[in-house]
Amino acid sequence: MLEEYNKLKVNNSDKIVFIKRGYFYYTYFRDSYIISYIFNYKAVNSKVSFPITSKANICNKLNKLNIGYVIDNEIVYGDSEIYSSYLILGYNKVKHEILIEEINNILINYDIDTLIKIRNSL
């Protein structure tokens, strides 16, 4: 699946590339950050997936935003500057989600009295 994604991405660097497998579409790396940002999907290991039943909603929104994409061997052109802008927003969202998850994992290990002391020291 990644091999297919990478082949398509070479000639479509400013478009979101979707790969269909079974009942889901997948996108990876930079594209997953954009989809995560726009649709509030969680990017896991730089991958986002959604059911094929969501295809129309995804495509309609990307068309409205003028973001190009490749899906089912169809290329839809968009504005590469808009793609880049959403890439920055998506990357920052994912970075924040990772940081919050790391903080949550640390806090889970503290008991309530320690957390209250930390809060009071802030």
PDB file of N, CA and C in Angstrom:
ATOM      1  N   MET A   1       0.824  -1.186   0.000  1.00  0.00           N
ATOM      2  CA  MET A   1       0.000   0.000   0.000  1.00  0.00           C
ATOM      3  C   MET A   1       0.872   1.256   0.000  1.00  0.00           C
ATOM      4  N   LEU A   2       1.910   1.254   0.828  1.00  0.00           N
ATOM      5  CA  LEU A   2       2.819   2.404   0.870  1.00  0.00           C
ATOM      6  C   LEU A   2       3.549   2.592  -0.454  1.00  0.00           C
ATOM      7  N   GLU A   3       3.881   1.494  -1.085  1.00  0.00           N
ATOM      8  CA  GLU A   3       4.568   1.570  -2.373  1.00  0.00           C
ATOM      9  C   GLU A   3       3.670   2.264  -3.402  1.00  0.00           C
ATOM     10  N   GLU A   4       2.414   1.903  -3.412  1.00  0.00           N
ATOM     11  CA  GLU A   4       1.457   2.531  -4.331  1.00  0.00           C
ATOM     12  C   GLU A   4       1.303   4.021  -4.013  1.00  0.00           C
ATOM     13  N   TYR A   5       1.205   4.333  -2.727  1.00  0.00           N
ATOM     14  CA  TYR A   5       1.102   5.731  -2.296  1.00  0.00           C
ATOM     15  C   TYR A   5       2.318   6.523  -2.778  1.00  0.00           C
ATOM     16  N   ASN A   6       3.510   5.997  -2.515  1.00  0.00           N
ATOM     17  CA  ASN A   6       4.741   6.703  -2.885  1.00  0.00           C
ATOM     18  C   ASN A   6       4.856   6.915  -4.393  1.00  0.00           C
ATOM     19  N   LYS A   7       4.438   5.933  -5.183  1.00  0.00           N
ATOM     20  CA  LYS A   7       4.465   6.082  -6.646  1.00  0.00           C
ATOM     21  C   LYS A   7       3.573   7.236  -7.092  1.00  0.00           C
ATOM     22  N   LEU A   8       2.380   7.307  -6.538  1.00  0.00           N
ATOM     23  CA  LEU A   8       1.457   8.376  -6.903  1.00  0.00           C
ATOM     24  C   LEU A   8       1.932   9.732  -6.381  1.00  0.00           C
ATOM     25  N   LYS A   9       2.543   9.725  -5.226  1.00  0.00           N
ATOM     26  CA  LYS A   9       2.963  10.980  -4.592  1.00  0.00           C
ATOM     27  C   LYS A   9       4.085  11.657  -5.373  1.00  0.00           C
ATOM     28  N   VAL A  10       4.925  10.893  -6.044  1.00  0.00           N
ATOM     29  CA  VAL A  10       6.053  11.456  -6.793  1.00  0.00           C
ATOM     30  C   VAL A  10       5.575  12.520  -7.778  1.00  0.00           C
ATOM     31  N   ASN A  11       4.511  12.243  -8.498  1.00  0.00           N
ATOM     32  CA  ASN A  11       4.005  13.188  -9.497  1.00  0.00           C
ATOM     33  C   ASN A  11       2.876  14.070  -8.990  1.00  0.00           C
ATOM     34  N   ASN A  12       2.535  13.918  -7.708  1.00  0.00           N
ATOM     35  CA  ASN A  12       1.421  14.674  -7.126  1.00  0.00           C
ATOM     36  C   ASN A  12       1.791  15.215  -5.753  1.00  0.00           C
ATOM     37  N   SER A  13       2.936  15.845  -5.681  1.00  0.00           N
ATOM     38  CA  SER A  13       3.467  16.279  -4.386  1.00  0.00           C
ATOM     39  C   SER A  13       2.610  17.353  -3.717  1.00  0.00           C
ATOM     40  N   ASP A  14       1.821  18.097  -4.497  1.00  0.00           N
ATOM     41  CA  ASP A  14       0.986  19.146  -3.915  1.00  0.00           C
ATOM     42  C   ASP A  14      -0.490  18.744  -3.870  1.00  0.00           C
ATOM     43  N   LYS A  15      -0.725  17.430  -3.868  1.00  0.00           N
ATOM     44  CA  LYS A  15      -2.076  16.896  -3.775  1.00  0.00           C
ATOM     45  C   LYS A  15      -2.108  15.814  -2.699  1.00  0.00           C
ATOM     46  N   ILE A  16      -3.267  15.627  -2.112  1.00  0.00           N
ATOM     47  CA  ILE A  16      -3.447  14.551  -1.139  1.00  0.00           C
ATOM     48  C   ILE A  16      -3.718  13.268  -1.912  1.00  0.00           C
ATOM     49  N   VAL A  17      -2.970  12.239  -1.609  1.00  0.00           N
ATOM     50  CA  VAL A  17      -3.109  10.953  -2.293  1.00  0.00           C
ATOM     51  C   VAL A  17      -3.834   9.980  -1.361  1.00  0.00           C
ATOM     52  N   PHE A  18      -4.905   9.400  -1.881  1.00  0.00           N
ATOM     53  CA  PHE A  18      -5.684   8.412  -1.136  1.00  0.00           C
ATOM     54  C   PHE A  18      -5.529   7.050  -1.800  1.00  0.00           C
ATOM     55  N   ILE A  19      -5.334   6.031  -0.983  1.00  0.00           N
ATOM     56  CA  ILE A  19      -5.232   4.653  -1.444  1.00  0.00           C
ATOM     57  C   ILE A  19      -6.409   3.876  -0.857  1.00  0.00           C
ATOM     58  N   LYS A  20      -7.148   3.190  -1.715  1.00  0.00           N
ATOM     59  CA  LYS A  20      -8.306   2.418  -1.265  1.00  0.00           C
ATOM     60  C   LYS A  20      -7.889   0.979  -1.002  1.00  0.00           C
ATOM     61  N   ARG A  21      -8.244   0.500   0.162  1.00  0.00           N
ATOM     62  CA  ARG A  21      -8.047  -0.897   0.537  1.00  0.00           C
ATOM     63  C   ARG A  21      -9.304  -1.362   1.252  1.00  0.00           C
ATOM     64  N   GLY A  22      -9.985  -2.296   0.631  1.00  0.00           N
ATOM     65  CA  GLY A  22     -11.215  -2.801   1.239  1.00  0.00           C
ATOM     66  C   GLY A  22     -12.258  -1.701   1.335  1.00  0.00           C
ATOM     67  N   TYR A  23     -12.748  -1.481   2.519  1.00  0.00           N
ATOM     68  CA  TYR A  23     -13.795  -0.496   2.752  1.00  0.00           C
ATOM     69  C   TYR A  23     -13.260   0.833   3.277  1.00  0.00           C
ATOM     70  N   PHE A  24     -11.953   1.051   3.141  1.00  0.00           N
ATOM     71  CA  PHE A  24     -11.341   2.265   3.670  1.00  0.00           C
ATOM     72  C   PHE A  24     -10.409   2.916   2.662  1.00  0.00           C
ATOM     73  N   TYR A  25     -10.250   4.232   2.824  1.00  0.00           N
ATOM     74  CA  TYR A  25      -9.213   4.987   2.131  1.00  0.00           C
ATOM     75  C   TYR A  25      -8.149   5.339   3.153  1.00  0.00           C
ATOM     76  N   TYR A  26      -6.906   5.310   2.715  1.00  0.00           N
ATOM     77  CA  TYR A  26      -5.771   5.625   3.565  1.00  0.00           C
ATOM     78  C   TYR A  26      -4.955   6.742   2.931  1.00  0.00           C
ATOM     79  N   THR A  27      -4.364   7.560   3.789  1.00  0.00           N
ATOM     80  CA  THR A  27      -3.375   8.530   3.341  1.00  0.00           C
ATOM     81  C   THR A  27      -2.283   8.599   4.395  1.00  0.00           C
ATOM     82  N   TYR A  28      -1.112   9.035   3.983  1.00  0.00           N
ATOM     83  CA  TYR A  28       0.071   8.916   4.827  1.00  0.00           C
ATOM     84  C   TYR A  28       0.848  10.230   4.920  1.00  0.00           C
ATOM     85  N   PHE A  29       1.727  10.238   5.901  1.00  0.00           N
ATOM     86  CA  PHE A  29       2.734  11.281   6.074  1.00  0.00           C
ATOM     87  C   PHE A  29       2.109  12.678   6.028  1.00  0.00           C
ATOM     88  N   ARG A  30       2.637  13.549   5.178  1.00  0.00           N
ATOM     89  CA  ARG A  30       2.173  14.947   5.131  1.00  0.00           C
ATOM     90  C   ARG A  30       0.678  15.026   4.859  1.00  0.00           C
ATOM     91  N   ASP A  31       0.208  14.181   3.958  1.00  0.00           N
ATOM     92  CA  ASP A  31      -1.215  14.211   3.611  1.00  0.00           C
ATOM     93  C   ASP A  31      -2.096  13.861   4.810  1.00  0.00           C
ATOM     94  N   SER A  32      -1.622  12.952   5.637  1.00  0.00           N
ATOM     95  CA  SER A  32      -2.415  12.567   6.813  1.00  0.00           C
ATOM     96  C   SER A  32      -2.557  13.740   7.780  1.00  0.00           C
ATOM     97  N   TYR A  33      -1.549  14.606   7.861  1.00  0.00           N
ATOM     98  CA  TYR A  33      -1.631  15.768   8.746  1.00  0.00           C
ATOM     99  C   TYR A  33      -2.711  16.734   8.267  1.00  0.00           C
ATOM    100  N   ILE A  34      -2.802  16.913   6.962  1.00  0.00           N
ATOM    101  CA  ILE A  34      -3.813  17.816   6.408  1.00  0.00           C
ATOM    102  C   ILE A  34      -5.214  17.267   6.675  1.00  0.00           C
ATOM    103  N   ILE A  35      -5.411  15.983   6.391  1.00  0.00           N
ATOM    104  CA  ILE A  35      -6.725  15.364   6.616  1.00  0.00           C
ATOM    105  C   ILE A  35      -7.075  15.384   8.101  1.00  0.00           C
ATOM    106  N   SER A  36      -6.096  15.135   8.945  1.00  0.00           N
ATOM    107  CA  SER A  36      -6.317  15.193  10.389  1.00  0.00           C
ATOM    108  C   SER A  36      -6.785  16.582  10.810  1.00  0.00           C
ATOM    109  N   TYR A  37      -6.159  17.596  10.273  1.00  0.00           N
ATOM    110  CA  TYR A  37      -6.512  18.975  10.633  1.00  0.00           C
ATOM    111  C   TYR A  37      -7.912  19.332  10.139  1.00  0.00           C
ATOM    112  N   ILE A  38      -8.186  19.076   8.886  1.00  0.00           N
ATOM    113  CA  ILE A  38      -9.457  19.507   8.293  1.00  0.00           C
ATOM    114  C   ILE A  38     -10.643  18.733   8.856  1.00  0.00           C
ATOM    115  N   PHE A  39     -10.490  17.425   9.041  1.00  0.00           N
ATOM    116  CA  PHE A  39     -11.627  16.579   9.418  1.00  0.00           C
ATOM    117  C   PHE A  39     -11.564  16.098  10.860  1.00  0.00           C
ATOM    118  N   ASN A  40     -10.555  16.541  11.579  1.00  0.00           N
ATOM    119  CA  ASN A  40     -10.390  16.174  12.989  1.00  0.00           C
ATOM    120  C   ASN A  40     -10.250  14.663  13.180  1.00  0.00           C
ATOM    121  N   TYR A  41      -9.648  14.004  12.199  1.00  0.00           N
ATOM    122  CA  TYR A  41      -9.291  12.599  12.341  1.00  0.00           C
ATOM    123  C   TYR A  41      -7.959  12.514  13.070  1.00  0.00           C
ATOM    124  N   LYS A  42      -7.767  11.450  13.783  1.00  0.00           N
ATOM    125  CA  LYS A  42      -6.499  11.268  14.486  1.00  0.00           C
ATOM    126  C   LYS A  42      -5.488  10.597  13.559  1.00  0.00           C
ATOM    127  N   ALA A  43      -4.336  11.236  13.436  1.00  0.00           N
ATOM    128  CA  ALA A  43      -3.239  10.652  12.665  1.00  0.00           C
ATOM    129  C   ALA A  43      -2.480   9.708  13.585  1.00  0.00           C
ATOM    130  N   VAL A  44      -2.411   8.445  13.209  1.00  0.00           N
ATOM    131  CA  VAL A  44      -1.711   7.442  13.993  1.00  0.00           C
ATOM    132  C   VAL A  44      -0.556   6.919  13.149  1.00  0.00           C
ATOM    133  N   ASN A  45       0.648   7.075  13.679  1.00  0.00           N
ATOM    134  CA  ASN A  45       1.853   6.664  12.941  1.00  0.00           C
ATOM    135  C   ASN A  45       1.881   7.271  11.536  1.00  0.00           C
ATOM    136  N   SER A  46       1.549   8.548  11.463  1.00  0.00           N
ATOM    137  CA  SER A  46       1.540   9.296  10.192  1.00  0.00           C
ATOM    138  C   SER A  46       0.612   8.675   9.151  1.00  0.00           C
ATOM    139  N   LYS A  47      -0.524   8.171   9.634  1.00  0.00           N
ATOM    140  CA  LYS A  47      -1.514   7.551   8.742  1.00  0.00           C
ATOM    141  C   LYS A  47      -2.910   7.940   9.216  1.00  0.00           C
ATOM    142  N   VAL A  48      -3.776   8.229   8.252  1.00  0.00           N
ATOM    143  CA  VAL A  48      -5.190   8.477   8.539  1.00  0.00           C
ATOM    144  C   VAL A  48      -6.004   7.600   7.600  1.00  0.00           C
ATOM    145  N   SER A  49      -7.073   7.034   8.119  1.00  0.00           N
ATOM    146  CA  SER A  49      -7.975   6.266   7.273  1.00  0.00           C
ATOM    147  C   SER A  49      -9.409   6.701   7.567  1.00  0.00           C
ATOM    148  N   PHE A  50     -10.262   6.477   6.575  1.00  0.00           N
ATOM    149  CA  PHE A  50     -11.680   6.764   6.748  1.00  0.00           C
ATOM    150  C   PHE A  50     -12.467   5.813   5.859  1.00  0.00           C
ATOM    151  N   PRO A  51     -13.726   5.531   6.223  1.00  0.00           N
ATOM    152  CA  PRO A  51     -14.522   4.581   5.448  1.00  0.00           C
ATOM    153  C   PRO A  51     -14.882   5.148   4.077  1.00  0.00           C
ATOM    154  N   ILE A  52     -15.075   4.253   3.114  1.00  0.00           N
ATOM    155  CA  ILE A  52     -15.410   4.696   1.762  1.00  0.00           C
ATOM    156  C   ILE A  52     -16.721   5.472   1.731  1.00  0.00           C
ATOM    157  N   THR A  53     -17.575   5.263   2.710  1.00  0.00           N
ATOM    158  CA  THR A  53     -18.842   5.995   2.770  1.00  0.00           C
ATOM    159  C   THR A  53     -18.637   7.482   3.026  1.00  0.00           C
ATOM    160  N   SER A  54     -17.446   7.870   3.476  1.00  0.00           N
ATOM    161  CA  SER A  54     -17.128   9.277   3.730  1.00  0.00           C
ATOM    162  C   SER A  54     -16.504   9.969   2.525  1.00  0.00           C
ATOM    163  N   LYS A  55     -16.299   9.239   1.460  1.00  0.00           N
ATOM    164  CA  LYS A  55     -15.592   9.787   0.294  1.00  0.00           C
ATOM    165  C   LYS A  55     -16.231  11.080  -0.220  1.00  0.00           C
ATOM    166  N   ALA A  56     -17.536  11.099  -0.402  1.00  0.00           N
ATOM    167  CA  ALA A  56     -18.204  12.288  -0.951  1.00  0.00           C
ATOM    168  C   ALA A  56     -17.974  13.505  -0.067  1.00  0.00           C
ATOM    169  N   ASN A  57     -18.111  13.333   1.253  1.00  0.00           N
ATOM    170  CA  ASN A  57     -17.885  14.454   2.181  1.00  0.00           C
ATOM    171  C   ASN A  57     -16.447  14.956   2.100  1.00  0.00           C
ATOM    172  N   ILE A  58     -15.504  14.025   2.068  1.00  0.00           N
ATOM    173  CA  ILE A  58     -14.086  14.395   2.015  1.00  0.00           C
ATOM    174  C   ILE A  58     -13.813  15.169   0.722  1.00  0.00           C
ATOM    175  N   CYS A  59     -14.235  14.627  -0.390  1.00  0.00           N
ATOM    176  CA  CYS A  59     -13.979  15.266  -1.686  1.00  0.00           C
ATOM    177  C   CYS A  59     -14.657  16.627  -1.791  1.00  0.00           C
ATOM    178  N   ASN A  60     -15.899  16.721  -1.327  1.00  0.00           N
ATOM    179  CA  ASN A  60     -16.608  18.005  -1.372  1.00  0.00           C
ATOM    180  C   ASN A  60     -15.878  19.082  -0.584  1.00  0.00           C
ATOM    181  N   LYS A  61     -15.418  18.722   0.604  1.00  0.00           N
ATOM    182  CA  LYS A  61     -14.710  19.702   1.447  1.00  0.00           C
ATOM    183  C   LYS A  61     -13.381  20.099   0.808  1.00  0.00           C
ATOM    184  N   LEU A  62     -12.628  19.138   0.289  1.00  0.00           N
ATOM    185  CA  LEU A  62     -11.358  19.453  -0.353  1.00  0.00           C
ATOM    186  C   LEU A  62     -11.580  20.335  -1.588  1.00  0.00           C
ATOM    187  N   ASN A  63     -12.651  20.074  -2.335  1.00  0.00           N
ATOM    188  CA  ASN A  63     -12.982  20.920  -3.484  1.00  0.00           C
ATOM    189  C   ASN A  63     -13.287  22.347  -3.043  1.00  0.00           C
ATOM    190  N   LYS A  64     -14.076  22.498  -1.986  1.00  0.00           N
ATOM    191  CA  LYS A  64     -14.407  23.837  -1.473  1.00  0.00           C
ATOM    192  C   LYS A  64     -13.161  24.586  -1.029  1.00  0.00           C
ATOM    193  N   LEU A  65     -12.217  23.858  -0.429  1.00  0.00           N
ATOM    194  CA  LEU A  65     -10.976  24.491   0.050  1.00  0.00           C
ATOM    195  C   LEU A  65      -9.957  24.673  -1.072  1.00  0.00           C
ATOM    196  N   ASN A  66     -10.230  24.098  -2.240  1.00  0.00           N
ATOM    197  CA  ASN A  66      -9.329  24.156  -3.398  1.00  0.00           C
ATOM    198  C   ASN A  66      -8.004  23.436  -3.136  1.00  0.00           C
ATOM    199  N   ILE A  67      -8.118  22.276  -2.473  1.00  0.00           N
ATOM    200  CA  ILE A  67      -6.956  21.422  -2.217  1.00  0.00           C
ATOM    201  C   ILE A  67      -7.035  20.247  -3.189  1.00  0.00           C
ATOM    202  N   GLY A  68      -5.981  20.040  -3.966  1.00  0.00           N
ATOM    203  CA  GLY A  68      -5.948  18.952  -4.932  1.00  0.00           C
ATOM    204  C   GLY A  68      -5.813  17.599  -4.252  1.00  0.00           C
ATOM    205  N   TYR A  69      -6.280  16.572  -4.953  1.00  0.00           N
ATOM    206  CA  TYR A  69      -6.184  15.212  -4.412  1.00  0.00           C
ATOM    207  C   TYR A  69      -6.228  14.189  -5.534  1.00  0.00           C
ATOM    208  N   VAL A  70      -5.788  12.988  -5.199  1.00  0.00           N
ATOM    209  CA  VAL A  70      -5.822  11.849  -6.115  1.00  0.00           C
ATOM    210  C   VAL A  70      -6.602  10.749  -5.406  1.00  0.00           C
ATOM    211  N   ILE A  71      -7.674  10.294  -6.056  1.00  0.00           N
ATOM    212  CA  ILE A  71      -8.499   9.249  -5.453  1.00  0.00           C
ATOM    213  C   ILE A  71      -9.092   8.395  -6.574  1.00  0.00           C
ATOM    214  N   ASP A  72      -9.023   7.098  -6.446  1.00  0.00           N
ATOM    215  CA  ASP A  72      -9.571   6.172  -7.445  1.00  0.00           C
ATOM    216  C   ASP A  72      -9.087   6.508  -8.863  1.00  0.00           C
ATOM    217  N   ASN A  73      -7.805   6.740  -8.997  1.00  0.00           N
ATOM    218  CA  ASN A  73      -7.172   7.081 -10.281  1.00  0.00           C
ATOM    219  C   ASN A  73      -7.668   8.382 -10.899  1.00  0.00           C
ATOM    220  N   GLU A  74      -8.355   9.201 -10.126  1.00  0.00           N
ATOM    221  CA  GLU A  74      -8.815  10.508 -10.586  1.00  0.00           C
ATOM    222  C   GLU A  74      -7.947  11.573  -9.916  1.00  0.00           C
ATOM    223  N   ILE A  75      -7.465  12.509 -10.730  1.00  0.00           N
ATOM    224  CA  ILE A  75      -6.664  13.617 -10.202  1.00  0.00           C
ATOM    225  C   ILE A  75      -7.525  14.867 -10.217  1.00  0.00           C
ATOM    226  N   VAL A  76      -7.665  15.498  -9.047  1.00  0.00           N
ATOM    227  CA  VAL A  76      -8.385  16.762  -8.925  1.00  0.00           C
ATOM    228  C   VAL A  76      -7.359  17.815  -8.558  1.00  0.00           C
ATOM    229  N   TYR A  77      -7.254  18.828  -9.383  1.00  0.00           N
ATOM    230  CA  TYR A  77      -6.241  19.864  -9.179  1.00  0.00           C
ATOM    231  C   TYR A  77      -6.731  20.911  -8.201  1.00  0.00           C
ATOM    232  N   GLY A  78      -5.789  21.466  -7.456  1.00  0.00           N
ATOM    233  CA  GLY A  78      -6.089  22.514  -6.496  1.00  0.00           C
ATOM    234  C   GLY A  78      -4.938  23.496  -6.448  1.00  0.00           C
ATOM    235  N   ASP A  79      -4.961  24.328  -5.446  1.00  0.00           N
ATOM    236  CA  ASP A  79      -3.945  25.363  -5.271  1.00  0.00           C
ATOM    237  C   ASP A  79      -2.834  24.833  -4.373  1.00  0.00           C
ATOM    238  N   SER A  80      -1.611  24.773  -4.905  1.00  0.00           N
ATOM    239  CA  SER A  80      -0.497  24.210  -4.130  1.00  0.00           C
ATOM    240  C   SER A  80      -0.157  25.060  -2.911  1.00  0.00           C
ATOM    241  N   GLU A  81      -0.416  26.365  -2.957  1.00  0.00           N
ATOM    242  CA  GLU A  81      -0.163  27.217  -1.787  1.00  0.00           C
ATOM    243  C   GLU A  81      -1.148  26.902  -0.669  1.00  0.00           C
ATOM    244  N   ILE A  82      -2.384  26.605  -1.031  1.00  0.00           N
ATOM    245  CA  ILE A  82      -3.370  26.224  -0.017  1.00  0.00           C
ATOM    246  C   ILE A  82      -2.984  24.883   0.595  1.00  0.00           C
ATOM    247  N   TYR A  83      -2.531  23.949  -0.242  1.00  0.00           N
ATOM    248  CA  TYR A  83      -2.044  22.661   0.257  1.00  0.00           C
ATOM    249  C   TYR A  83      -0.942  22.906   1.295  1.00  0.00           C
ATOM    250  N   SER A  84       0.013  23.755   0.957  1.00  0.00           N
ATOM    251  CA  SER A  84       1.138  24.041   1.860  1.00  0.00           C
ATOM    252  C   SER A  84       0.666  24.685   3.157  1.00  0.00           C
ATOM    253  N   SER A  85      -0.304  25.584   3.066  1.00  0.00           N
ATOM    254  CA  SER A  85      -0.831  26.239   4.272  1.00  0.00           C
ATOM    255  C   SER A  85      -1.484  25.237   5.209  1.00  0.00           C
ATOM    256  N   TYR A  86      -2.293  24.335   4.638  1.00  0.00           N
ATOM    257  CA  TYR A  86      -2.946  23.329   5.471  1.00  0.00           C
ATOM    258  C   TYR A  86      -1.951  22.290   5.989  1.00  0.00           C
ATOM    259  N   LEU A  87      -0.885  22.082   5.251  1.00  0.00           N
ATOM    260  CA  LEU A  87       0.158  21.175   5.733  1.00  0.00           C
ATOM    261  C   LEU A  87       0.781  21.719   7.015  1.00  0.00           C
ATOM    262  N   ILE A  88       1.063  23.001   7.044  1.00  0.00           N
ATOM    263  CA  ILE A  88       1.631  23.631   8.248  1.00  0.00           C
ATOM    264  C   ILE A  88       0.652  23.524   9.408  1.00  0.00           C
ATOM    265  N   LEU A  89      -0.614  23.843   9.158  1.00  0.00           N
ATOM    266  CA  LEU A  89      -1.636  23.754  10.213  1.00  0.00           C
ATOM    267  C   LEU A  89      -1.774  22.318  10.720  1.00  0.00           C
ATOM    268  N   GLY A  90      -1.798  21.380   9.796  1.00  0.00           N
ATOM    269  CA  GLY A  90      -1.942  19.975  10.180  1.00  0.00           C
ATOM    270  C   GLY A  90      -0.746  19.459  10.951  1.00  0.00           C
ATOM    271  N   TYR A  91       0.439  19.831  10.507  1.00  0.00           N
ATOM    272  CA  TYR A  91       1.652  19.401  11.198  1.00  0.00           C
ATOM    273  C   TYR A  91       1.662  19.932  12.629  1.00  0.00           C
ATOM    274  N   ASN A  92       1.289  21.182  12.820  1.00  0.00           N
ATOM    275  CA  ASN A  92       1.249  21.758  14.164  1.00  0.00           C
ATOM    276  C   ASN A  92       0.206  21.076  15.034  1.00  0.00           C
ATOM    277  N   LYS A  93      -0.945  20.729  14.446  1.00  0.00           N
ATOM    278  CA  LYS A  93      -1.982  20.020  15.204  1.00  0.00           C
ATOM    279  C   LYS A  93      -1.463  18.675  15.692  1.00  0.00           C
ATOM    280  N   VAL A  94      -0.825  17.938  14.806  1.00  0.00           N
ATOM    281  CA  VAL A  94      -0.308  16.619  15.175  1.00  0.00           C
ATOM    282  C   VAL A  94       0.781  16.750  16.233  1.00  0.00           C
ATOM    283  N   LYS A  95       1.664  17.738  16.090  1.00  0.00           N
ATOM    284  CA  LYS A  95       2.706  17.962  17.110  1.00  0.00           C
ATOM    285  C   LYS A  95       2.078  18.225  18.470  1.00  0.00           C
ATOM    286  N   HIS A  96       1.024  19.047  18.498  1.00  0.00           N
ATOM    287  CA  HIS A  96       0.353  19.346  19.767  1.00  0.00           C
ATOM    288  C   HIS A  96      -0.320  18.103  20.343  1.00  0.00           C
ATOM    289  N   GLU A  97      -0.939  17.309  19.493  1.00  0.00           N
ATOM    290  CA  GLU A  97      -1.577  16.079  19.979  1.00  0.00           C
ATOM    291  C   GLU A  97      -0.554  15.139  20.597  1.00  0.00           C
ATOM    292  N   ILE A  98       0.605  15.022  19.980  1.00  0.00           N
ATOM    293  CA  ILE A  98       1.664  14.159  20.516  1.00  0.00           C
ATOM    294  C   ILE A  98       2.147  14.687  21.854  1.00  0.00           C
ATOM    295  N   LEU A  99       2.344  16.000  21.946  1.00  0.00           N
ATOM    296  CA  LEU A  99       2.790  16.608  23.198  1.00  0.00           C
ATOM    297  C   LEU A  99       1.765  16.406  24.307  1.00  0.00           C
ATOM    298  N   ILE A 100       0.494  16.602  24.000  1.00  0.00           N
ATOM    299  CA  ILE A 100      -0.565  16.405  24.998  1.00  0.00           C
ATOM    300  C   ILE A 100      -0.604  14.951  25.456  1.00  0.00           C
ATOM    301  N   GLU A 101      -0.457  14.028  24.525  1.00  0.00           N
ATOM    302  CA  GLU A 101      -0.447  12.611  24.890  1.00  0.00           C
ATOM    303  C   GLU A 101       0.737  12.284  25.806  1.00  0.00           C
ATOM    304  N   GLU A 102       1.899  12.854  25.516  1.00  0.00           N
ATOM    305  CA  GLU A 102       3.069  12.639  26.367  1.00  0.00           C
ATOM    306  C   GLU A 102       2.838  13.205  27.765  1.00  0.00           C
ATOM    307  N   ILE A 103       2.264  14.395  27.844  1.00  0.00           N
ATOM    308  CA  ILE A 103       1.968  15.011  29.149  1.00  0.00           C
ATOM    309  C   ILE A 103       0.955  14.164  29.912  1.00  0.00           C
ATOM    310  N   ASN A 104      -0.088  13.700  29.227  1.00  0.00           N
ATOM    311  CA  ASN A 104      -1.082  12.848  29.884  1.00  0.00           C
ATOM    312  C   ASN A 104      -0.448  11.575  30.435  1.00  0.00           C
ATOM    313  N   ASN A 105       0.438  10.968  29.662  1.00  0.00           N
ATOM    314  CA  ASN A 105       1.104   9.750  30.133  1.00  0.00           C
ATOM    315  C   ASN A 105       1.945  10.015  31.373  1.00  0.00           C
ATOM    316  N   ILE A 106       2.579  11.163  31.439  1.00  0.00           N
ATOM    317  CA  ILE A 106       3.360  11.514  32.624  1.00  0.00           C
ATOM    318  C   ILE A 106       2.437  11.742  33.810  1.00  0.00           C
ATOM    319  N   LEU A 107       1.343  12.483  33.588  1.00  0.00           N
ATOM    320  CA  LEU A 107       0.435  12.814  34.691  1.00  0.00           C
ATOM    321  C   LEU A 107      -0.274  11.593  35.258  1.00  0.00           C
ATOM    322  N   ILE A 108      -0.529  10.612  34.418  1.00  0.00           N
ATOM    323  CA  ILE A 108      -1.196   9.396  34.887  1.00  0.00           C
ATOM    324  C   ILE A 108      -0.389   8.712  35.982  1.00  0.00           C
ATOM    325  N   ASN A 109       0.917   8.869  35.947  1.00  0.00           N
ATOM    326  CA  ASN A 109       1.773   8.200  36.917  1.00  0.00           C
ATOM    327  C   ASN A 109       1.853   8.921  38.259  1.00  0.00           C
ATOM    328  N   TYR A 110       1.317  10.141  38.336  1.00  0.00           N
ATOM    329  CA  TYR A 110       1.337  10.887  39.592  1.00  0.00           C
ATOM    330  C   TYR A 110       0.051  10.657  40.371  1.00  0.00           C
ATOM    331  N   ASP A 111       0.163  10.683  41.708  1.00  0.00           N
ATOM    332  CA  ASP A 111      -1.043  10.618  42.513  1.00  0.00           C
ATOM    333  C   ASP A 111      -1.633  12.027  42.626  1.00  0.00           C
ATOM    334  N   ILE A 112      -2.830  12.121  43.113  1.00  0.00           N
ATOM    335  CA  ILE A 112      -3.561  13.390  43.144  1.00  0.00           C
ATOM    336  C   ILE A 112      -2.848  14.444  43.990  1.00  0.00           C
ATOM    337  N   ASP A 113      -2.238  14.057  45.118  1.00  0.00           N
ATOM    338  CA  ASP A 113      -1.545  15.027  45.975  1.00  0.00           C
ATOM    339  C   ASP A 113      -0.366  15.658  45.245  1.00  0.00           C
ATOM    340  N   THR A 114       0.366  14.864  44.505  1.00  0.00           N
ATOM    341  CA  THR A 114       1.497  15.393  43.725  1.00  0.00           C
ATOM    342  C   THR A 114       0.996  16.344  42.651  1.00  0.00           C
ATOM    343  N   LEU A 115      -0.094  15.994  41.983  1.00  0.00           N
ATOM    344  CA  LEU A 115      -0.652  16.868  40.954  1.00  0.00           C
ATOM    345  C   LEU A 115      -1.119  18.201  41.534  1.00  0.00           C
ATOM    346  N   ILE A 116      -1.707  18.160  42.710  1.00  0.00           N
ATOM    347  CA  ILE A 116      -2.149  19.404  43.365  1.00  0.00           C
ATOM    348  C   ILE A 116      -0.938  20.262  43.712  1.00  0.00           C
ATOM    349  N   LYS A 117       0.129  19.649  44.196  1.00  0.00           N
ATOM    350  CA  LYS A 117       1.351  20.410  44.488  1.00  0.00           C
ATOM    351  C   LYS A 117       1.927  21.050  43.235  1.00  0.00           C
ATOM    352  N   ILE A 118       1.934  20.310  42.145  1.00  0.00           N
ATOM    353  CA  ILE A 118       2.428  20.854  40.885  1.00  0.00           C
ATOM    354  C   ILE A 118       1.571  22.026  40.441  1.00  0.00           C
ATOM    355  N   ARG A 119       0.260  21.857  40.498  1.00  0.00           N
ATOM    356  CA  ARG A 119      -0.653  22.935  40.115  1.00  0.00           C
ATOM    357  C   ARG A 119      -0.444  24.169  40.967  1.00  0.00           C
ATOM    358  N   ASN A 120      -0.298  23.976  42.270  1.00  0.00           N
ATOM    359  CA  ASN A 120      -0.132  25.115  43.170  1.00  0.00           C
ATOM    360  C   ASN A 120       1.202  25.831  42.948  1.00  0.00           C
ATOM    361  N   SER A 121       2.201  25.099  42.504  1.00  0.00           N
ATOM    362  CA  SER A 121       3.503  25.730  42.253  1.00  0.00           C
ATOM    363  C   SER A 121       3.506  26.548  40.968  1.00  0.00           C
ATOM    364  N   LEU A 122       2.536  26.291  40.099  1.00  0.00           N
ATOM    365  CA  LEU A 122       2.450  27.050  38.851  1.00  0.00           C
ATOM    366  C   LEU A 122       1.764  28.359  39.127  1.00  0.00           C
TER     367      LEU A 122
END
